[in-house]
Amino acid sequence: MVSHSSLITVMEKAVRKASPRLRRDFGEVDALQVSRKGPADFVSNADRAAEETIVEVLSHARPDWGLTLEEGQSRTGADAKSRWIVDPLDGTTNFLHGMPHFAISIAAEVNGEVVSGLIHQPLTGESYWAEKGRGAWLSDRRLRVSARRELADCVLATGIPFRGHGDTAAFSRQLDAVMPEVAGVRRFGAASLDLAWVAAGRFDGFWESGLSEWDVAAGILLVREAGGFVSDFRGGEAMVARREIVAGNGQVQSRLHKLLAEAAKT
């Protein structure tokens, strides 16, 4: 059994406590598809209920820590240098449509640096976790990013703009630049899991714009601790500020961010 810090223990406790309710609510979604308003409200309630459960566990364990939450208000704790970053249901559209691909993402930040992160898939029970300097893991199995070096052999993941969100013209330019170079591009609809799958070597790389801090905080640490690289589209560290991210092993990530940077110029 792989040992880990108390932070990961707390995160695991939080996601395990929230997951049964999410699984139960996911099983009820089909019955609500006849109503436009009903399913959306239902999923929003499921999201908030998961967040409340997670916050309860995290706050009990670290009452002085701040919280940055997707569904609720950010809170500053007595310990101004430490906070949790929480997305209680990443992949809400998948959840709404009965698609079994969504996750809970939790990261712990200390002194401005994410030191621990966990991404949990409630339906499969998979927990991807990482601690700074201690590697990335799926339960007790060590994770490594893909070893593929040529884009022509790679399958990448991305996110697609949708109604009211994202720049479709910019994304079209990105696809035009990337698709001729790779073996395939996938869009599964949960960025946290996309990054976890990059860390696990299932995807060779990932890029997306318009993401928020809670979508990527844990995933960035996972990819880096699995031996990968993460940057903004220009190769810098402003992933959160610029709301853009590209990830993969050294060869793939370097080539991919250059393609995206060139696409931005056209």
Protein backbone atom coordinates (compact mmCIF):
# COMPACT_ATOMS: atom_id res chain seq x y z
CA MET A 1 0.00 0.00 0.00
CA VAL A 2 1.41 3.39 -1.04
CA SER A 3 1.65 5.89 1.81
CA HIS A 4 0.45 9.44 1.34
CA SER A 5 -0.01 12.58 3.39
CA SER A 6 -2.95 13.47 5.58
CA LEU A 7 -4.09 15.92 2.87
CA ILE A 8 -4.75 13.09 0.43
CA THR A 9 -6.45 11.12 3.20
CA VAL A 10 -8.83 14.04 3.81
CA MET A 11 -9.54 14.48 0.08
CA GLU A 12 -10.24 10.77 -0.30
CA LYS A 13 -12.60 10.85 2.67
CA ALA A 14 -14.43 13.84 1.16
CA VAL A 15 -14.92 12.31 -2.30
CA ARG A 16 -15.96 8.94 -0.89
CA LYS A 17 -18.59 10.64 1.25
CA ALA A 18 -19.95 12.70 -1.67
CA SER A 19 -19.87 9.95 -4.30
CA PRO A 20 -22.83 7.79 -3.20
CA ARG A 21 -25.21 10.77 -3.49
CA LEU A 22 -23.84 11.61 -6.94
CA ARG A 23 -24.23 8.00 -8.08
CA ARG A 24 -27.79 7.92 -6.80
CA ASP A 25 -28.65 11.25 -8.42
CA PHE A 26 -27.02 10.15 -11.69
CA GLY A 27 -29.36 7.15 -11.70
CA GLU A 28 -32.35 9.50 -11.45
CA VAL A 29 -31.43 11.73 -14.41
CA ASP A 30 -33.20 9.62 -17.06
CA ALA A 31 -36.54 10.13 -15.33
CA LEU A 32 -36.17 13.90 -15.67
CA GLN A 33 -35.37 14.15 -19.37
CA VAL A 34 -38.96 15.06 -20.31
CA SER A 35 -38.55 18.47 -18.67
CA ARG A 36 -36.20 21.21 -19.83
CA LYS A 37 -36.13 23.00 -16.49
CA GLY A 38 -36.30 19.93 -14.27
CA PRO A 39 -33.04 18.21 -15.23
CA ALA A 40 -31.01 21.44 -15.12
CA ASP A 41 -32.32 22.30 -11.67
CA PHE A 42 -31.79 18.72 -10.54
CA VAL A 43 -28.17 18.67 -11.61
CA SER A 44 -27.55 22.05 -10.04
CA ASN A 45 -28.92 20.69 -6.76
CA ALA A 46 -26.77 17.57 -7.07
CA ASP A 47 -23.74 19.79 -7.67
CA ARG A 48 -24.45 21.89 -4.59
CA ALA A 49 -25.18 18.88 -2.40
CA ALA A 50 -21.84 17.30 -3.38
CA GLU A 51 -20.06 20.56 -2.67
CA GLU A 52 -21.67 20.88 0.76
CA THR A 53 -20.57 17.37 1.69
CA ILE A 54 -17.02 17.92 0.47
CA VAL A 55 -16.71 21.30 2.20
CA GLU A 56 -17.97 19.79 5.46
CA VAL A 57 -15.21 17.17 5.44
CA LEU A 58 -12.45 19.53 4.33
CA SER A 59 -13.44 22.25 6.79
CA HIS A 60 -13.57 19.81 9.68
CA ALA A 61 -10.05 18.62 8.89
CA ARG A 62 -8.56 22.07 8.21
CA PRO A 63 -10.89 24.67 9.78
CA ASP A 64 -8.43 27.53 9.22
CA TRP A 65 -8.01 26.97 5.48
CA GLY A 66 -9.66 29.04 2.78
CA LEU A 67 -11.87 27.56 0.06
CA THR A 68 -12.21 28.31 -3.65
CA LEU A 69 -15.39 26.72 -4.90
CA GLU A 70 -17.12 26.39 -8.27
CA GLU A 71 -20.67 26.49 -6.94
CA GLY A 72 -20.23 28.60 -3.82
CA GLN A 73 -18.41 31.71 -2.75
CA SER A 74 -14.68 31.67 -2.15
CA ARG A 75 -13.79 31.90 1.52
CA THR A 76 -10.65 33.25 3.13
CA GLY A 77 -9.55 31.27 6.16
CA ALA A 78 -7.58 32.29 9.22
CA ASP A 79 -4.60 30.64 7.54
CA ALA A 80 -4.31 33.00 4.58
CA LYS A 81 -1.54 30.91 3.01
CA SER A 82 -3.55 27.70 2.61
CA ARG A 83 -6.73 26.84 0.72
CA TRP A 84 -8.71 24.08 -0.91
CA ILE A 85 -9.71 24.38 -4.60
CA VAL A 86 -12.85 22.34 -5.27
CA ASP A 87 -14.94 21.32 -8.28
CA PRO A 88 -17.65 19.03 -6.89
CA LEU A 89 -18.96 17.93 -10.29
CA ASP A 90 -16.79 18.44 -13.35
CA GLY A 91 -18.76 17.31 -16.39
CA THR A 92 -22.21 18.56 -15.42
CA THR A 93 -23.48 18.40 -19.02
CA ASN A 94 -22.45 14.74 -19.21
CA PHE A 95 -24.20 14.15 -15.89
CA LEU A 96 -27.35 15.88 -17.16
CA HIS A 97 -27.48 13.69 -20.26
CA GLY A 98 -26.81 10.43 -18.47
CA MET A 99 -23.28 10.11 -19.82
CA PRO A 100 -21.03 8.31 -17.29
CA HIS A 101 -18.03 10.62 -17.55
CA PHE A 102 -17.70 13.15 -14.72
CA ALA A 103 -15.49 13.69 -11.70
CA ILE A 104 -14.81 15.42 -8.40
CA SER A 105 -11.60 17.47 -8.32
CA ILE A 106 -9.88 18.75 -5.17
CA ALA A 107 -6.52 20.50 -4.83
CA ALA A 108 -4.64 21.75 -1.78
CA GLU A 109 -2.64 24.95 -2.23
CA VAL A 110 -0.04 26.17 0.28
CA ASN A 111 1.91 29.41 -0.15
CA GLY A 112 0.56 29.86 -3.66
CA GLU A 113 1.56 26.38 -4.83
CA VAL A 114 -0.61 23.30 -5.32
CA VAL A 115 1.01 20.59 -3.21
CA SER A 116 -1.63 17.85 -3.40
CA GLY A 117 -4.47 16.98 -5.73
CA LEU A 118 -7.07 14.29 -6.24
CA ILE A 119 -9.51 13.59 -9.09
CA HIS A 120 -12.18 10.98 -8.39
CA GLN A 121 -14.61 9.30 -10.80
CA PRO A 122 -17.66 8.39 -8.67
CA LEU A 123 -19.02 5.72 -11.03
CA THR A 124 -15.79 3.73 -11.43
CA GLY A 125 -14.34 4.52 -8.02
CA GLU A 126 -11.01 5.53 -9.58
CA SER A 127 -8.99 8.06 -7.59
CA TYR A 128 -6.10 9.77 -9.36
CA TRP A 129 -3.90 11.60 -6.88
CA ALA A 130 -0.57 13.37 -6.68
CA GLU A 131 1.66 15.09 -4.18
CA LYS A 132 4.45 17.46 -5.08
CA GLY A 133 7.71 15.54 -5.30
CA ARG A 134 6.06 12.18 -4.62
CA GLY A 135 4.64 11.26 -8.02
CA ALA A 136 1.19 10.66 -9.45
CA TRP A 137 -0.89 7.60 -8.70
CA LEU A 138 -4.08 5.74 -9.56
CA SER A 139 -4.89 4.21 -6.17
CA ASP A 140 -1.53 2.50 -5.47
CA ARG A 141 -0.30 2.28 -9.09
CA ARG A 142 2.33 4.78 -10.20
CA LEU A 143 1.34 6.85 -13.23
CA ARG A 144 3.53 7.98 -16.11
CA VAL A 145 2.62 10.08 -19.12
CA SER A 146 2.69 8.52 -22.56
CA ALA A 147 6.11 7.87 -24.07
CA ARG A 148 5.03 8.60 -27.64
CA ARG A 149 7.23 11.19 -29.31
CA GLU A 150 5.63 11.73 -32.70
CA LEU A 151 2.37 13.65 -33.00
CA ALA A 152 1.35 11.38 -35.85
CA ASP A 153 1.05 8.54 -33.31
CA CYS A 154 -0.83 10.56 -30.69
CA VAL A 155 -4.44 10.83 -29.58
CA LEU A 156 -5.19 14.18 -27.95
CA ALA A 157 -8.09 15.48 -25.87
CA THR A 158 -9.61 18.93 -26.04
CA GLY A 159 -12.69 20.98 -25.15
CA ILE A 160 -15.05 22.48 -27.73
CA PRO A 161 -16.74 25.90 -27.43
CA PHE A 162 -20.49 25.78 -26.99
CA ARG A 163 -23.38 28.20 -26.81
CA GLY A 164 -22.29 31.32 -24.94
CA HIS A 165 -18.88 29.90 -24.05
CA GLY A 166 -15.65 30.12 -26.00
CA ASP A 167 -14.38 31.48 -29.27
CA THR A 168 -15.46 29.14 -32.06
CA ALA A 169 -13.36 30.88 -34.71
CA ALA A 170 -10.20 30.57 -32.61
CA PHE A 171 -10.97 26.93 -31.87
CA SER A 172 -11.47 26.21 -35.57
CA ARG A 173 -8.01 27.61 -36.25
CA GLN A 174 -6.58 25.40 -33.52
CA LEU A 175 -8.20 22.29 -35.00
CA ASP A 176 -6.99 23.19 -38.46
CA ALA A 177 -3.45 23.38 -37.08
CA VAL A 178 -3.56 20.26 -34.91
CA MET A 179 -5.76 17.66 -36.64
CA PRO A 180 -3.56 17.07 -39.70
CA GLU A 181 -0.64 16.31 -37.37
CA VAL A 182 -2.19 13.70 -35.04
CA ALA A 183 -3.83 10.28 -35.01
CA GLY A 184 -7.00 11.58 -33.41
CA VAL A 185 -8.70 14.23 -31.27
CA ARG A 186 -11.30 13.41 -28.61
CA ARG A 187 -13.76 15.57 -26.65
CA PHE A 188 -15.15 13.84 -23.55
CA GLY A 189 -16.39 16.86 -21.62
CA ALA A 190 -14.60 16.76 -18.25
CA ALA A 191 -11.27 18.59 -18.22
CA SER A 192 -10.16 17.23 -14.86
CA LEU A 193 -10.48 13.64 -16.14
CA ASP A 194 -8.79 14.58 -19.42
CA LEU A 195 -5.76 15.75 -17.43
CA ALA A 196 -5.87 12.66 -15.21
CA TRP A 197 -5.90 10.52 -18.35
CA VAL A 198 -2.89 12.41 -19.71
CA ALA A 199 -1.10 11.60 -16.45
CA ALA A 200 -2.12 7.95 -16.87
CA GLY A 201 -0.88 7.83 -20.48
CA ARG A 202 -4.37 7.21 -21.88
CA PHE A 203 -4.28 10.51 -23.76
CA ASP A 204 -0.99 11.68 -25.21
CA GLY A 205 -1.87 15.35 -24.74
CA PHE A 206 -4.59 17.86 -23.96
CA TRP A 207 -5.43 21.46 -24.72
CA GLU A 208 -8.35 23.74 -23.92
CA SER A 209 -9.15 27.39 -23.30
CA GLY A 210 -11.73 29.03 -21.07
CA LEU A 211 -11.16 26.74 -18.10
CA SER A 212 -11.30 27.91 -14.50
CA GLU A 213 -8.87 27.27 -11.67
CA TRP A 214 -10.98 24.51 -10.12
CA ASP A 215 -11.05 22.66 -13.45
CA VAL A 216 -7.27 22.31 -13.70
CA ALA A 217 -5.56 22.78 -10.32
CA ALA A 218 -5.39 19.09 -9.38
CA GLY A 219 -4.86 17.95 -12.98
CA ILE A 220 -1.83 20.17 -13.55
CA LEU A 221 -0.08 18.63 -10.54
CA LEU A 222 -1.02 15.12 -11.69
CA VAL A 223 0.47 15.62 -15.15
CA ARG A 224 3.68 17.15 -13.82
CA GLU A 225 4.16 14.49 -11.17
CA ALA A 226 3.61 11.85 -13.86
CA GLY A 227 6.59 13.28 -15.76
CA GLY A 228 4.66 15.57 -18.10
CA PHE A 229 4.70 19.27 -18.90
CA VAL A 230 1.96 21.86 -18.68
CA SER A 231 1.88 25.45 -19.98
CA ASP A 232 -0.35 28.08 -21.51
CA PHE A 233 -0.56 28.22 -25.30
CA ARG A 234 2.56 30.39 -25.46
CA GLY A 235 4.65 28.01 -23.38
CA GLY A 236 4.41 30.10 -20.21
CA GLU A 237 3.05 29.51 -16.73
CA ALA A 238 -0.10 31.69 -16.99
CA MET A 239 -2.54 28.79 -17.35
CA VAL A 240 -5.02 30.18 -14.82
CA ALA A 241 -4.60 33.87 -15.70
CA ARG A 242 -4.90 33.29 -19.46
CA ARG A 243 -7.44 30.47 -19.00
CA GLU A 244 -5.63 28.21 -21.44
CA ILE A 245 -3.74 24.99 -20.95
CA VAL A 246 -1.75 22.50 -22.99
CA ALA A 247 -0.34 19.31 -21.46
CA GLY A 248 1.59 16.20 -22.46
CA ASN A 249 5.02 14.65 -22.31
CA GLY A 250 7.98 16.86 -23.19
CA GLN A 251 7.98 16.19 -26.93
CA VAL A 252 4.22 16.30 -27.43
CA GLN A 253 3.58 19.31 -25.23
CA SER A 254 6.35 21.34 -26.84
CA ARG A 255 5.13 20.62 -30.35
CA LEU A 256 1.49 21.14 -29.44
CA HIS A 257 1.90 24.53 -27.77
CA LYS A 258 3.88 25.75 -30.77
CA LEU A 259 1.06 24.72 -33.11
CA LEU A 260 -1.44 26.53 -30.90
CA ALA A 261 0.72 29.63 -30.70
CA GLU A 262 0.98 29.72 -34.49
CA ALA A 263 -2.79 29.24 -34.82
CA ALA A 264 -3.33 32.27 -32.59
CA LYS A 265 -1.41 34.44 -35.05
CA THR A 266 -3.60 33.62 -38.04
